[in-house]
Structures are given as C-alpha cells and as structure tokens.
Amino acid sequence: MTADALVRLAARWRQTLVEHQGVKGRCPRCRTAARCWEWAEAFGQLTVHDLLLPE
C-alpha cells in the first residue's frame, strides 16, 4: 500500500468516526445503541495502522 493510499484511507476512517459518533447513547447513522460496527471498524483500522493521533 502506498503512502498516498494510506492517507486517503485514514481520512475516510476519520470521517466515519465523525459520522458515527454517538449522540445520547445511539449512533445517528445506524440508530444502534452505543457504538456501531462502522465506528468500531474505523477505530480499529486507525489503531492497527497507528494513525489514531490527532491531525
């Protein structure tokens, strides 16, 4: 994977975290209680690739 591709993926994962950030204990996009799978997957990918630091 090229560095450019990783930067684009990280931006998409960060956007997913923002879009699926819980409001009053629910995901506003998925309408599930607590954290949804979309948020968890994006968080996991950022963690695995050591990209969780703020930009």
Protein backbone atom coordinates (compact mmCIF):
# COMPACT_ATOMS: atom_id res chain seq x y z
CA MET A 1 0.00 0.00 0.00
CA THR A 2 1.40 3.38 -0.95
CA ALA A 3 1.66 6.25 1.48
CA ASP A 4 -0.86 8.25 -0.55
CA ALA A 5 -3.41 5.43 -0.39
CA LEU A 6 -2.93 5.13 3.37
CA VAL A 7 -3.51 8.86 3.80
CA ARG A 8 -6.77 8.62 1.83
CA LEU A 9 -7.91 5.60 3.85
CA ALA A 10 -7.08 7.33 7.13
CA ALA A 11 -9.13 10.35 6.07
CA ARG A 12 -12.07 8.09 5.25
CA TRP A 13 -11.76 6.26 8.59
CA ARG A 14 -11.64 9.58 10.46
CA GLN A 15 -14.74 10.75 8.58
CA THR A 16 -16.51 7.53 9.57
CA LEU A 17 -15.66 8.18 13.23
CA VAL A 18 -17.21 11.64 12.97
CA GLU A 19 -20.32 10.46 11.12
CA HIS A 20 -20.97 7.59 13.55
CA GLN A 21 -20.11 9.45 16.78
CA GLY A 22 -22.74 8.55 19.35
CA VAL A 23 -25.39 11.07 20.37
CA LYS A 24 -27.30 10.35 23.57
CA GLY A 25 -26.04 6.76 23.53
CA ARG A 26 -27.01 5.98 19.91
CA CYS A 27 -25.33 6.10 16.53
CA PRO A 28 -27.07 8.82 14.47
CA ARG A 29 -26.47 6.98 11.17
CA CYS A 30 -27.10 3.35 12.15
CA ARG A 31 -29.52 4.05 15.02
CA THR A 32 -27.94 1.33 17.12
CA ALA A 33 -27.37 1.63 20.84
CA ALA A 34 -23.84 2.51 21.93
CA ARG A 35 -21.07 2.08 19.33
CA CYS A 36 -21.94 0.67 15.92
CA TRP A 37 -19.83 -1.70 13.81
CA GLU A 38 -18.91 1.06 11.33
CA TRP A 39 -17.41 3.18 14.12
CA ALA A 40 -15.65 0.17 15.66
CA GLU A 41 -14.12 -0.88 12.34
CA ALA A 42 -12.82 2.62 11.58
CA PHE A 43 -11.40 2.95 15.11
CA GLY A 44 -9.76 -0.46 14.81
CA GLN A 45 -8.16 0.33 11.46
CA LEU A 46 -6.76 3.63 12.75
CA THR A 47 -5.41 1.83 15.83
CA VAL A 48 -3.83 -1.03 13.88
CA HIS A 49 -2.10 1.34 11.48
CA ASP A 50 -1.01 3.60 14.38
CA LEU A 51 -2.88 6.56 12.88
CA LEU A 52 -5.13 7.42 15.83
CA LEU A 53 -3.18 10.54 16.73
CA PRO A 54 -4.94 13.85 16.03
CA GLU A 55 -4.06 15.57 12.80
